[in-house]
Amino acid sequence: METKKAMPHLGDFVRSLTYKKGHTGSSLAKLIGKSHNTVTGYSTEPSLHARILWDISQALDYDIFEYLSNELNLNGATDKAIDAAEKVKTKQQRIEELELLVRDLQKEVAIYKDLLKR
């Protein structure tokens, strides 16, 4: 049986992120419309509600949900990765079409050059 990875302590993470982004607990509190005591309380919580993380992510311009996703380190593809792979496949198909067109045009140019030489 595989051991599950422990979830990061979100309160600690938010406190650390706040300071890394150049804010204090008070300035973050103002940004998200909460009291300083409420934001200070977050730092002791191992888990925070998604709405709180959403607000903090926007206030600090940092995607906490992406951070959590990366911490999970799962092998499953995300919608973003699937979309990117589909776009790459579409672009590759278009490149192949254009390469064929270029070859055809090169043949035409060679024919015109040959005609001009006559």
PDB file of N, CA and C in Angstrom:
ATOM      1  N   MET A   1       0.837  -1.193   0.000  1.00  0.00           N
ATOM      2  CA  MET A   1       0.000   0.000   0.000  1.00  0.00           C
ATOM      3  C   MET A   1       0.879   1.252   0.000  1.00  0.00           C
ATOM      4  N   GLU A   2       0.511   2.195  -0.848  1.00  0.00           N
ATOM      5  CA  GLU A   2       1.293   3.422  -0.985  1.00  0.00           C
ATOM      6  C   GLU A   2       0.963   4.388   0.151  1.00  0.00           C
ATOM      7  N   THR A   3       2.003   5.026   0.703  1.00  0.00           N
ATOM      8  CA  THR A   3       1.804   5.989   1.767  1.00  0.00           C
ATOM      9  C   THR A   3       1.355   7.315   1.169  1.00  0.00           C
ATOM     10  N   LYS A   4       0.336   7.891   1.780  1.00  0.00           N
ATOM     11  CA  LYS A   4      -0.153   9.177   1.287  1.00  0.00           C
ATOM     12  C   LYS A   4       0.739  10.296   1.795  1.00  0.00           C
ATOM     13  N   LYS A   5       0.953  11.262   0.935  1.00  0.00           N
ATOM     14  CA  LYS A   5       1.747  12.428   1.298  1.00  0.00           C
ATOM     15  C   LYS A   5       0.899  13.333   2.191  1.00  0.00           C
ATOM     16  N   ALA A   6       1.504  13.869   3.225  1.00  0.00           N
ATOM     17  CA  ALA A   6       0.790  14.763   4.133  1.00  0.00           C
ATOM     18  C   ALA A   6       0.498  16.095   3.454  1.00  0.00           C
ATOM     19  N   MET A   7      -0.663  16.629   3.726  1.00  0.00           N
ATOM     20  CA  MET A   7      -1.030  17.927   3.172  1.00  0.00           C
ATOM     21  C   MET A   7      -0.172  19.009   3.831  1.00  0.00           C
ATOM     22  N   PRO A   8       0.282  19.976   3.051  1.00  0.00           N
ATOM     23  CA  PRO A   8       1.060  21.075   3.655  1.00  0.00           C
ATOM     24  C   PRO A   8       0.193  21.845   4.652  1.00  0.00           C
ATOM     25  N   HIS A   9       0.823  22.379   5.669  1.00  0.00           N
ATOM     26  CA  HIS A   9       0.120  23.203   6.659  1.00  0.00           C
ATOM     27  C   HIS A   9      -0.181  24.542   5.991  1.00  0.00           C
ATOM     28  N   LEU A  10      -1.422  24.747   5.619  1.00  0.00           N
ATOM     29  CA  LEU A  10      -1.777  25.916   4.819  1.00  0.00           C
ATOM     30  C   LEU A  10      -1.617  27.226   5.581  1.00  0.00           C
ATOM     31  N   GLY A  11      -1.857  27.210   6.864  1.00  0.00           N
ATOM     32  CA  GLY A  11      -1.663  28.430   7.649  1.00  0.00           C
ATOM     33  C   GLY A  11      -0.220  28.891   7.608  1.00  0.00           C
ATOM     34  N   ASP A  12       0.694  27.939   7.809  1.00  0.00           N
ATOM     35  CA  ASP A  12       2.128  28.264   7.721  1.00  0.00           C
ATOM     36  C   ASP A  12       2.475  28.761   6.323  1.00  0.00           C
ATOM     37  N   PHE A  13       1.942  28.068   5.315  1.00  0.00           N
ATOM     38  CA  PHE A  13       2.248  28.448   3.936  1.00  0.00           C
ATOM     39  C   PHE A  13       1.757  29.865   3.641  1.00  0.00           C
ATOM     40  N   VAL A  14       0.527  30.173   4.046  1.00  0.00           N
ATOM     41  CA  VAL A  14      -0.037  31.506   3.779  1.00  0.00           C
ATOM     42  C   VAL A  14       0.770  32.578   4.503  1.00  0.00           C
ATOM     43  N   ARG A  15       1.156  32.311   5.746  1.00  0.00           N
ATOM     44  CA  ARG A  15       1.963  33.287   6.492  1.00  0.00           C
ATOM     45  C   ARG A  15       3.285  33.533   5.768  1.00  0.00           C
ATOM     46  N   SER A  16       3.951  32.464   5.365  1.00  0.00           N
ATOM     47  CA  SER A  16       5.233  32.583   4.659  1.00  0.00           C
ATOM     48  C   SER A  16       5.066  33.318   3.327  1.00  0.00           C
ATOM     49  N   LEU A  17       4.040  32.940   2.576  1.00  0.00           N
ATOM     50  CA  LEU A  17       3.778  33.575   1.285  1.00  0.00           C
ATOM     51  C   LEU A  17       3.497  35.066   1.449  1.00  0.00           C
ATOM     52  N   THR A  18       2.744  35.408   2.460  1.00  0.00           N
ATOM     53  CA  THR A  18       2.400  36.810   2.725  1.00  0.00           C
ATOM     54  C   THR A  18       3.669  37.651   2.863  1.00  0.00           C
ATOM     55  N   TYR A  19       4.618  37.153   3.645  1.00  0.00           N
ATOM     56  CA  TYR A  19       5.858  37.899   3.851  1.00  0.00           C
ATOM     57  C   TYR A  19       6.739  37.895   2.602  1.00  0.00           C
ATOM     58  N   LYS A  20       6.767  36.753   1.891  1.00  0.00           N
ATOM     59  CA  LYS A  20       7.552  36.700   0.649  1.00  0.00           C
ATOM     60  C   LYS A  20       7.039  37.691  -0.380  1.00  0.00           C
ATOM     61  N   LYS A  21       5.735  37.936  -0.362  1.00  0.00           N
ATOM     62  CA  LYS A  21       5.129  38.871  -1.305  1.00  0.00           C
ATOM     63  C   LYS A  21       5.206  40.316  -0.813  1.00  0.00           C
ATOM     64  N   GLY A  22       5.897  40.532   0.324  1.00  0.00           N
ATOM     65  CA  GLY A  22       6.124  41.893   0.824  1.00  0.00           C
ATOM     66  C   GLY A  22       4.981  42.469   1.632  1.00  0.00           C
ATOM     67  N   HIS A  23       4.137  41.604   2.168  1.00  0.00           N
ATOM     68  CA  HIS A  23       3.000  42.068   2.969  1.00  0.00           C
ATOM     69  C   HIS A  23       3.166  41.645   4.412  1.00  0.00           C
ATOM     70  N   THR A  24       2.354  42.243   5.242  1.00  0.00           N
ATOM     71  CA  THR A  24       2.245  41.841   6.642  1.00  0.00           C
ATOM     72  C   THR A  24       0.855  41.247   6.838  1.00  0.00           C
ATOM     73  N   GLY A  25       0.626  40.693   8.019  1.00  0.00           N
ATOM     74  CA  GLY A  25      -0.710  40.178   8.324  1.00  0.00           C
ATOM     75  C   GLY A  25      -1.749  41.280   8.221  1.00  0.00           C
ATOM     76  N   SER A  26      -1.390  42.468   8.660  1.00  0.00           N
ATOM     77  CA  SER A  26      -2.324  43.603   8.616  1.00  0.00           C
ATOM     78  C   SER A  26      -2.648  44.014   7.191  1.00  0.00           C
ATOM     79  N   SER A  27      -1.621  44.083   6.345  1.00  0.00           N
ATOM     80  CA  SER A  27      -1.889  44.510   4.971  1.00  0.00           C
ATOM     81  C   SER A  27      -2.691  43.450   4.213  1.00  0.00           C
ATOM     82  N   LEU A  28      -2.418  42.162   4.480  1.00  0.00           N
ATOM     83  CA  LEU A  28      -3.221  41.115   3.862  1.00  0.00           C
ATOM     84  C   LEU A  28      -4.666  41.210   4.338  1.00  0.00           C
ATOM     85  N   ALA A  29      -4.850  41.462   5.617  1.00  0.00           N
ATOM     86  CA  ALA A  29      -6.200  41.593   6.172  1.00  0.00           C
ATOM     87  C   ALA A  29      -6.984  42.683   5.440  1.00  0.00           C
ATOM     88  N   LYS A  30      -6.335  43.806   5.207  1.00  0.00           N
ATOM     89  CA  LYS A  30      -6.989  44.894   4.478  1.00  0.00           C
ATOM     90  C   LYS A  30      -7.330  44.477   3.051  1.00  0.00           C
ATOM     91  N   LEU A  31      -6.400  43.769   2.396  1.00  0.00           N
ATOM     92  CA  LEU A  31      -6.619  43.354   1.011  1.00  0.00           C
ATOM     93  C   LEU A  31      -7.808  42.408   0.853  1.00  0.00           C
ATOM     94  N   ILE A  32      -8.027  41.563   1.860  1.00  0.00           N
ATOM     95  CA  ILE A  32      -9.113  40.588   1.729  1.00  0.00           C
ATOM     96  C   ILE A  32     -10.344  40.952   2.572  1.00  0.00           C
ATOM     97  N   GLY A  33     -10.299  42.110   3.191  1.00  0.00           N
ATOM     98  CA  GLY A  33     -11.466  42.589   3.927  1.00  0.00           C
ATOM     99  C   GLY A  33     -11.757  41.823   5.211  1.00  0.00           C
ATOM    100  N   LYS A  34     -10.702  41.415   5.889  1.00  0.00           N
ATOM    101  CA  LYS A  34     -10.834  40.682   7.163  1.00  0.00           C
ATOM    102  C   LYS A  34     -10.081  41.451   8.244  1.00  0.00           C
ATOM    103  N   SER A  35     -10.331  41.093   9.484  1.00  0.00           N
ATOM    104  CA  SER A  35      -9.609  41.735  10.579  1.00  0.00           C
ATOM    105  C   SER A  35      -8.221  41.118  10.708  1.00  0.00           C
ATOM    106  N   HIS A  36      -7.321  41.876  11.320  1.00  0.00           N
ATOM    107  CA  HIS A  36      -5.963  41.385  11.549  1.00  0.00           C
ATOM    108  C   HIS A  36      -6.002  40.107  12.383  1.00  0.00           C
ATOM    109  N   ASN A  37      -6.861  40.064  13.397  1.00  0.00           N
ATOM    110  CA  ASN A  37      -6.957  38.880  14.250  1.00  0.00           C
ATOM    111  C   ASN A  37      -7.407  37.650  13.446  1.00  0.00           C
ATOM    112  N   THR A  38      -8.324  37.847  12.508  1.00  0.00           N
ATOM    113  CA  THR A  38      -8.789  36.731  11.678  1.00  0.00           C
ATOM    114  C   THR A  38      -7.651  36.188  10.838  1.00  0.00           C
ATOM    115  N   VAL A  39      -6.897  37.080  10.196  1.00  0.00           N
ATOM    116  CA  VAL A  39      -5.779  36.650   9.354  1.00  0.00           C
ATOM    117  C   VAL A  39      -4.694  35.995  10.202  1.00  0.00           C
ATOM    118  N   THR A  40      -4.438  36.528  11.386  1.00  0.00           N
ATOM    119  CA  THR A  40      -3.467  35.915  12.290  1.00  0.00           C
ATOM    120  C   THR A  40      -3.922  34.504  12.660  1.00  0.00           C
ATOM    121  N   GLY A  41      -5.216  34.329  12.839  1.00  0.00           N
ATOM    122  CA  GLY A  41      -5.764  33.011  13.160  1.00  0.00           C
ATOM    123  C   GLY A  41      -5.566  32.007  12.034  1.00  0.00           C
ATOM    124  N   TYR A  42      -5.570  32.477  10.806  1.00  0.00           N
ATOM    125  CA  TYR A  42      -5.346  31.569   9.674  1.00  0.00           C
ATOM    126  C   TYR A  42      -4.007  30.853   9.804  1.00  0.00           C
ATOM    127  N   SER A  43      -3.000  31.562  10.321  1.00  0.00           N
ATOM    128  CA  SER A  43      -1.651  30.995  10.363  1.00  0.00           C
ATOM    129  C   SER A  43      -1.550  29.772  11.262  1.00  0.00           C
ATOM    130  N   THR A  44      -2.494  29.599  12.153  1.00  0.00           N
ATOM    131  CA  THR A  44      -2.458  28.432  13.044  1.00  0.00           C
ATOM    132  C   THR A  44      -3.264  27.258  12.495  1.00  0.00           C
ATOM    133  N   GLU A  45      -4.009  27.510  11.433  1.00  0.00           N
ATOM    134  CA  GLU A  45      -4.879  26.468  10.878  1.00  0.00           C
ATOM    135  C   GLU A  45      -4.142  25.608   9.857  1.00  0.00           C
ATOM    136  N   PRO A  46      -4.178  24.281  10.042  1.00  0.00           N
ATOM    137  CA  PRO A  46      -3.535  23.409   9.059  1.00  0.00           C
ATOM    138  C   PRO A  46      -4.277  23.374   7.723  1.00  0.00           C
ATOM    139  N   SER A  47      -5.568  23.673   7.762  1.00  0.00           N
ATOM    140  CA  SER A  47      -6.388  23.651   6.559  1.00  0.00           C
ATOM    141  C   SER A  47      -7.245  24.910   6.522  1.00  0.00           C
ATOM    142  N   LEU A  48      -7.423  25.458   5.329  1.00  0.00           N
ATOM    143  CA  LEU A  48      -8.239  26.654   5.175  1.00  0.00           C
ATOM    144  C   LEU A  48      -9.296  26.416   4.110  1.00  0.00           C
ATOM    145  N   HIS A  49     -10.433  27.041   4.279  1.00  0.00           N
ATOM    146  CA  HIS A  49     -11.551  26.924   3.338  1.00  0.00           C
ATOM    147  C   HIS A  49     -11.141  27.454   1.966  1.00  0.00           C
ATOM    148  N   ALA A  50     -11.676  26.844   0.935  1.00  0.00           N
ATOM    149  CA  ALA A  50     -11.337  27.235  -0.439  1.00  0.00           C
ATOM    150  C   ALA A  50     -11.610  28.712  -0.692  1.00  0.00           C
ATOM    151  N   ARG A  51     -12.678  29.256  -0.120  1.00  0.00           N
ATOM    152  CA  ARG A  51     -13.010  30.680  -0.335  1.00  0.00           C
ATOM    153  C   ARG A  51     -11.912  31.582   0.214  1.00  0.00           C
ATOM    154  N   ILE A  52     -11.370  31.211   1.365  1.00  0.00           N
ATOM    155  CA  ILE A  52     -10.285  31.991   1.973  1.00  0.00           C
ATOM    156  C   ILE A  52      -9.048  31.926   1.077  1.00  0.00           C
ATOM    157  N   LEU A  53      -8.716  30.716   0.615  1.00  0.00           N
ATOM    158  CA  LEU A  53      -7.553  30.547  -0.262  1.00  0.00           C
ATOM    159  C   LEU A  53      -7.740  31.311  -1.571  1.00  0.00           C
ATOM    160  N   TRP A  54      -8.971  31.315  -2.060  1.00  0.00           N
ATOM    161  CA  TRP A  54      -9.289  32.047  -3.293  1.00  0.00           C
ATOM    162  C   TRP A  54      -8.996  33.538  -3.101  1.00  0.00           C
ATOM    163  N   ASP A  55      -9.508  34.096  -2.005  1.00  0.00           N
ATOM    164  CA  ASP A  55      -9.315  35.523  -1.723  1.00  0.00           C
ATOM    165  C   ASP A  55      -7.836  35.872  -1.535  1.00  0.00           C
ATOM    166  N   ILE A  56      -7.132  35.024  -0.803  1.00  0.00           N
ATOM    167  CA  ILE A  56      -5.709  35.270  -0.563  1.00  0.00           C
ATOM    168  C   ILE A  56      -4.924  35.157  -1.875  1.00  0.00           C
ATOM    169  N   SER A  57      -5.270  34.169  -2.694  1.00  0.00           N
ATOM    170  CA  SER A  57      -4.604  34.010  -3.995  1.00  0.00           C
ATOM    171  C   SER A  57      -4.724  35.276  -4.824  1.00  0.00           C
ATOM    172  N   GLN A  58      -5.926  35.825  -4.862  1.00  0.00           N
ATOM    173  CA  GLN A  58      -6.133  37.045  -5.646  1.00  0.00           C
ATOM    174  C   GLN A  58      -5.403  38.229  -5.025  1.00  0.00           C
ATOM    175  N   ALA A  59      -5.452  38.342  -3.713  1.00  0.00           N
ATOM    176  CA  ALA A  59      -4.818  39.475  -3.045  1.00  0.00           C
ATOM    177  C   ALA A  59      -3.301  39.463  -3.219  1.00  0.00           C
ATOM    178  N   LEU A  60      -2.699  38.272  -3.171  1.00  0.00           N
ATOM    179  CA  LEU A  60      -1.247  38.164  -3.264  1.00  0.00           C
ATOM    180  C   LEU A  60      -0.758  37.858  -4.675  1.00  0.00           C
ATOM    181  N   ASP A  61      -1.700  37.752  -5.614  1.00  0.00           N
ATOM    182  CA  ASP A  61      -1.375  37.441  -7.005  1.00  0.00           C
ATOM    183  C   ASP A  61      -0.520  36.178  -7.079  1.00  0.00           C
ATOM    184  N   TYR A  62      -1.018  35.112  -6.442  1.00  0.00           N
ATOM    185  CA  TYR A  62      -0.316  33.841  -6.381  1.00  0.00           C
ATOM    186  C   TYR A  62      -1.352  32.724  -6.392  1.00  0.00           C
ATOM    187  N   ASP A  63      -1.180  31.747  -7.264  1.00  0.00           N
ATOM    188  CA  ASP A  63      -2.144  30.656  -7.389  1.00  0.00           C
ATOM    189  C   ASP A  63      -1.858  29.565  -6.357  1.00  0.00           C
ATOM    190  N   ILE A  64      -2.499  29.693  -5.199  1.00  0.00           N
ATOM    191  CA  ILE A  64      -2.320  28.714  -4.127  1.00  0.00           C
ATOM    192  C   ILE A  64      -2.833  27.347  -4.562  1.00  0.00           C
ATOM    193  N   PHE A  65      -3.849  27.319  -5.390  1.00  0.00           N
ATOM    194  CA  PHE A  65      -4.404  26.041  -5.846  1.00  0.00           C
ATOM    195  C   PHE A  65      -3.408  25.309  -6.755  1.00  0.00           C
ATOM    196  N   GLU A  66      -2.692  26.047  -7.574  1.00  0.00           N
ATOM    197  CA  GLU A  66      -1.656  25.424  -8.399  1.00  0.00           C
ATOM    198  C   GLU A  66      -0.540  24.874  -7.514  1.00  0.00           C
ATOM    199  N   TYR A  67      -0.187  25.643  -6.484  1.00  0.00           N
ATOM    200  CA  TYR A  67       0.816  25.172  -5.522  1.00  0.00           C
ATOM    201  C   TYR A  67       0.377  23.848  -4.914  1.00  0.00           C
ATOM    202  N   LEU A  68      -0.885  23.772  -4.490  1.00  0.00           N
ATOM    203  CA  LEU A  68      -1.391  22.538  -3.886  1.00  0.00           C
ATOM    204  C   LEU A  68      -1.395  21.393  -4.891  1.00  0.00           C
ATOM    205  N   SER A  69      -1.774  21.690  -6.114  1.00  0.00           N
ATOM    206  CA  SER A  69      -1.773  20.677  -7.162  1.00  0.00           C
ATOM    207  C   SER A  69      -0.364  20.129  -7.375  1.00  0.00           C
ATOM    208  N   ASN A  70       0.607  21.010  -7.400  1.00  0.00           N
ATOM    209  CA  ASN A  70       2.002  20.588  -7.562  1.00  0.00           C
ATOM    210  C   ASN A  70       2.480  19.764  -6.366  1.00  0.00           C
ATOM    211  N   GLU A  71       2.013  20.104  -5.188  1.00  0.00           N
ATOM    212  CA  GLU A  71       2.380  19.346  -3.997  1.00  0.00           C
ATOM    213  C   GLU A  71       1.825  17.925  -4.054  1.00  0.00           C
ATOM    214  N   LEU A  72       0.647  17.761  -4.662  1.00  0.00           N
ATOM    215  CA  LEU A  72       0.071  16.425  -4.804  1.00  0.00           C
ATOM    216  C   LEU A  72       0.945  15.549  -5.693  1.00  0.00           C
ATOM    217  N   ASN A  73       1.490  16.156  -6.740  1.00  0.00           N
ATOM    218  CA  ASN A  73       2.381  15.464  -7.655  1.00  0.00           C
ATOM    219  C   ASN A  73       1.761  14.164  -8.178  1.00  0.00           C
ATOM    220  N   LEU A  74       0.544  14.262  -8.651  1.00  0.00           N
ATOM    221  CA  LEU A  74      -0.151  13.103  -9.205  1.00  0.00           C
ATOM    222  C   LEU A  74       0.192  12.938 -10.672  1.00  0.00           C
ATOM    223  N   ASN A  75      -0.013  11.755 -11.179  1.00  0.00           N
ATOM    224  CA  ASN A  75       0.293  11.482 -12.580  1.00  0.00           C
ATOM    225  C   ASN A  75      -0.852  11.828 -13.516  1.00  0.00           C
ATOM    226  N   GLY A  76      -2.018  12.094 -12.995  1.00  0.00           N
ATOM    227  CA  GLY A  76      -3.173  12.396 -13.838  1.00  0.00           C
ATOM    228  C   GLY A  76      -3.014  13.728 -14.551  1.00  0.00           C
ATOM    229  N   ALA A  77      -3.497  13.764 -15.773  1.00  0.00           N
ATOM    230  CA  ALA A  77      -3.417  14.988 -16.566  1.00  0.00           C
ATOM    231  C   ALA A  77      -4.495  15.975 -16.115  1.00  0.00           C
ATOM    232  N   THR A  78      -4.171  17.230 -16.155  1.00  0.00           N
ATOM    233  CA  THR A  78      -5.143  18.274 -15.847  1.00  0.00           C
ATOM    234  C   THR A  78      -5.812  18.723 -17.133  1.00  0.00           C
ATOM    235  N   ASP A  79      -6.921  19.400 -17.003  1.00  0.00           N
ATOM    236  CA  ASP A  79      -7.600  19.936 -18.185  1.00  0.00           C
ATOM    237  C   ASP A  79      -6.664  20.850 -18.974  1.00  0.00           C
ATOM    238  N   LYS A  80      -5.862  21.619 -18.258  1.00  0.00           N
ATOM    239  CA  LYS A  80      -4.933  22.547 -18.900  1.00  0.00           C
ATOM    240  C   LYS A  80      -3.910  21.780 -19.753  1.00  0.00           C
ATOM    241  N   ALA A  81      -3.389  20.687 -19.211  1.00  0.00           N
ATOM    242  CA  ALA A  81      -2.413  19.889 -19.946  1.00  0.00           C
ATOM    243  C   ALA A  81      -3.052  19.216 -21.150  1.00  0.00           C
ATOM    244  N   ILE A  82      -4.276  18.738 -20.983  1.00  0.00           N
ATOM    245  CA  ILE A  82      -4.982  18.096 -22.088  1.00  0.00           C
ATOM    246  C   ILE A  82      -5.243  19.103 -23.199  1.00  0.00           C
ATOM    247  N   ASP A  83      -5.694  20.302 -22.827  1.00  0.00           N
ATOM    248  CA  ASP A  83      -5.933  21.359 -23.820  1.00  0.00           C
ATOM    249  C   ASP A  83      -4.644  21.716 -24.550  1.00  0.00           C
ATOM    250  N   ALA A  84      -3.557  21.819 -23.813  1.00  0.00           N
ATOM    251  CA  ALA A  84      -2.273  22.166 -24.424  1.00  0.00           C
ATOM    252  C   ALA A  84      -1.837  21.081 -25.401  1.00  0.00           C
ATOM    253  N   ALA A  85      -2.017  19.825 -25.028  1.00  0.00           N
ATOM    254  CA  ALA A  85      -1.636  18.722 -25.915  1.00  0.00           C
ATOM    255  C   ALA A  85      -2.471  18.738 -27.193  1.00  0.00           C
ATOM    256  N   GLU A  86      -3.762  19.044 -27.062  1.00  0.00           N
ATOM    257  CA  GLU A  86      -4.632  19.119 -28.243  1.00  0.00           C
ATOM    258  C   GLU A  86      -4.212  20.268 -29.154  1.00  0.00           C
ATOM    259  N   LYS A  87      -3.848  21.396 -28.569  1.00  0.00           N
ATOM    260  CA  LYS A  87      -3.396  22.541 -29.365  1.00  0.00           C
ATOM    261  C   LYS A  87      -2.102  22.205 -30.102  1.00  0.00           C
ATOM    262  N   VAL A  88      -1.196  21.522 -29.421  1.00  0.00           N
ATOM    263  CA  VAL A  88       0.067  21.139 -30.054  1.00  0.00           C
ATOM    264  C   VAL A  88      -0.211  20.202 -31.231  1.00  0.00           C
ATOM    265  N   LYS A  89      -1.104  19.237 -31.031  1.00  0.00           N
ATOM    266  CA  LYS A  89      -1.431  18.297 -32.106  1.00  0.00           C
ATOM    267  C   LYS A  89      -2.026  19.031 -33.305  1.00  0.00           C
ATOM    268  N   THR A  90      -2.931  19.970 -33.046  1.00  0.00           N
ATOM    269  CA  THR A  90      -3.547  20.754 -34.115  1.00  0.00           C
ATOM    270  C   THR A  90      -2.491  21.568 -34.861  1.00  0.00           C
ATOM    271  N   LYS A  91      -1.582  22.180 -34.121  1.00  0.00           N
ATOM    272  CA  LYS A  91      -0.522  22.986 -34.747  1.00  0.00           C
ATOM    273  C   LYS A  91       0.415  22.103 -35.567  1.00  0.00           C
ATOM    274  N   GLN A  92       0.712  20.903 -35.071  1.00  0.00           N
ATOM    275  CA  GLN A  92       1.570  19.989 -35.821  1.00  0.00           C
ATOM    276  C   GLN A  92       0.906  19.579 -37.138  1.00  0.00           C
ATOM    277  N   GLN A  93      -0.386  19.328 -37.095  1.00  0.00           N
ATOM    278  CA  GLN A  93      -1.111  18.976 -38.319  1.00  0.00           C
ATOM    279  C   GLN A  93      -1.057  20.137 -39.309  1.00  0.00           C
ATOM    280  N   ARG A  94      -1.226  21.348 -38.818  1.00  0.00           N
ATOM    281  CA  ARG A  94      -1.187  22.523 -39.684  1.00  0.00           C
ATOM    282  C   ARG A  94       0.206  22.695 -40.294  1.00  0.00           C
ATOM    283  N   ILE A  95       1.225  22.452 -39.513  1.00  0.00           N
ATOM    284  CA  ILE A  95       2.600  22.546 -40.013  1.00  0.00           C
ATOM    285  C   ILE A  95       2.813  21.544 -41.144  1.00  0.00           C
ATOM    286  N   GLU A  96       2.325  20.320 -40.958  1.00  0.00           N
ATOM    287  CA  GLU A  96       2.455  19.305 -42.005  1.00  0.00           C
ATOM    288  C   GLU A  96       1.740  19.746 -43.289  1.00  0.00           C
ATOM    289  N   GLU A  97       0.543  20.322 -43.142  1.00  0.00           N
ATOM    290  CA  GLU A  97      -0.202  20.816 -44.310  1.00  0.00           C
ATOM    291  C   GLU A  97       0.587  21.907 -45.025  1.00  0.00           C
ATOM    292  N   LEU A  98       1.147  22.834 -44.254  1.00  0.00           N
ATOM    293  CA  LEU A  98       1.903  23.936 -44.851  1.00  0.00           C
ATOM    294  C   LEU A  98       3.193  23.449 -45.502  1.00  0.00           C
ATOM    295  N   GLU A  99       3.829  22.441 -44.921  1.00  0.00           N
ATOM    296  CA  GLU A  99       5.037  21.888 -45.537  1.00  0.00           C
ATOM    297  C   GLU A  99       4.712  21.281 -46.897  1.00  0.00           C
ATOM    298  N   LEU A 100       3.570  20.588 -46.998  1.00  0.00           N
ATOM    299  CA  LEU A 100       3.148  20.035 -48.293  1.00  0.00           C
ATOM    300  C   LEU A 100       2.884  21.149 -49.301  1.00  0.00           C
ATOM    301  N   LEU A 101       2.235  22.210 -48.852  1.00  0.00           N
ATOM    302  CA  LEU A 101       1.954  23.356 -49.715  1.00  0.00           C
ATOM    303  C   LEU A 101       3.255  23.986 -50.210  1.00  0.00           C
ATOM    304  N   VAL A 102       4.215  24.139 -49.312  1.00  0.00           N
ATOM    305  CA  VAL A 102       5.507  24.724 -49.690  1.00  0.00           C
ATOM    306  C   VAL A 102       6.181  23.858 -50.759  1.00  0.00           C
ATOM    307  N   ARG A 103       6.156  22.538 -50.586  1.00  0.00           N
ATOM    308  CA  ARG A 103       6.753  21.653 -51.589  1.00  0.00           C
ATOM    309  C   ARG A 103       6.070  21.815 -52.938  1.00  0.00           C
ATOM    310  N   ASP A 104       4.730  21.879 -52.923  1.00  0.00           N
ATOM    311  CA  ASP A 104       3.993  22.076 -54.174  1.00  0.00           C
ATOM    312  C   ASP A 104       4.363  23.407 -54.820  1.00  0.00           C
ATOM    313  N   LEU A 105       4.455  24.444 -54.039  1.00  0.00           N
ATOM    314  CA  LEU A 105       4.809  25.759 -54.573  1.00  0.00           C
ATOM    315  C   LEU A 105       6.242  25.777 -55.107  1.00  0.00           C
ATOM    316  N   GLN A 106       7.131  25.076 -54.444  1.00  0.00           N
ATOM    317  CA  GLN A 106       8.511  24.997 -54.935  1.00  0.00           C
ATOM    318  C   GLN A 106       8.552  24.307 -56.298  1.00  0.00           C
ATOM    319  N   LYS A 107       7.731  23.277 -56.463  1.00  0.00           N
ATOM    320  CA  LYS A 107       7.658  22.592 -57.765  1.00  0.00           C
ATOM    321  C   LYS A 107       7.140  23.550 -58.836  1.00  0.00           C
ATOM    322  N   GLU A 108       6.101  24.327 -58.478  1.00  0.00           N
ATOM    323  CA  GLU A 108       5.548  25.300 -59.435  1.00  0.00           C
ATOM    324  C   GLU A 108       6.594  26.339 -59.827  1.00  0.00           C
ATOM    325  N   VAL A 109       7.311  26.844 -58.846  1.00  0.00           N
ATOM    326  CA  VAL A 109       8.343  27.844 -59.111  1.00  0.00           C
ATOM    327  C   VAL A 109       9.397  27.256 -60.052  1.00  0.00           C
ATOM    328  N   ALA A 110       9.786  26.016 -59.808  1.00  0.00           N
ATOM    329  CA  ALA A 110      10.778  25.373 -60.686  1.00  0.00           C
ATOM    330  C   ALA A 110      10.250  25.280 -62.114  1.00  0.00           C
ATOM    331  N   ILE A 111       8.980  24.964 -62.282  1.00  0.00           N
ATOM    332  CA  ILE A 111       8.371  24.878 -63.614  1.00  0.00           C
ATOM    333  C   ILE A 111       8.396  26.256 -64.281  1.00  0.00           C
ATOM    334  N   TYR A 112       7.992  27.312 -63.545  1.00  0.00           N
ATOM    335  CA  TYR A 112       7.996  28.665 -64.111  1.00  0.00           C
ATOM    336  C   TYR A 112       9.399  29.114 -64.500  1.00  0.00           C
ATOM    337  N   LYS A 113      10.381  28.790 -63.661  1.00  0.00           N
ATOM    338  CA  LYS A 113      11.767  29.146 -63.992  1.00  0.00           C
ATOM    339  C   LYS A 113      12.211  28.452 -65.268  1.00  0.00           C
ATOM    340  N   ASP A 114      11.834  27.190 -65.382  1.00  0.00           N
ATOM    341  CA  ASP A 114      12.195  26.430 -66.581  1.00  0.00           C
ATOM    342  C   ASP A 114      11.542  27.053 -67.814  1.00  0.00           C
ATOM    343  N   LEU A 115      10.295  27.478 -67.680  1.00  0.00           N
ATOM    344  CA  LEU A 115       9.602  28.105 -68.814  1.00  0.00           C
ATOM    345  C   LEU A 115      10.243  29.429 -69.196  1.00  0.00           C
ATOM    346  N   LEU A 116      10.691  30.200 -68.204  1.00  0.00           N
ATOM    347  CA  LEU A 116      11.319  31.485 -68.467  1.00  0.00           C
ATOM    348  C   LEU A 116      12.657  31.325 -69.183  1.00  0.00           C
ATOM    349  N   LYS A 117      13.335  30.247 -68.957  1.00  0.00           N
ATOM    350  CA  LYS A 117      14.631  29.994 -69.588  1.00  0.00           C
ATOM    351  C   LYS A 117      14.461  29.688 -71.075  1.00  0.00           C
ATOM    352  N   ARG A 118      13.313  29.268 -71.489  1.00  0.00           N
ATOM    353  CA  ARG A 118      13.095  28.868 -72.897  1.00  0.00           C
ATOM    354  C   ARG A 118      12.923  30.035 -73.796  1.00  0.00           C
TER     355      ARG A 118
END
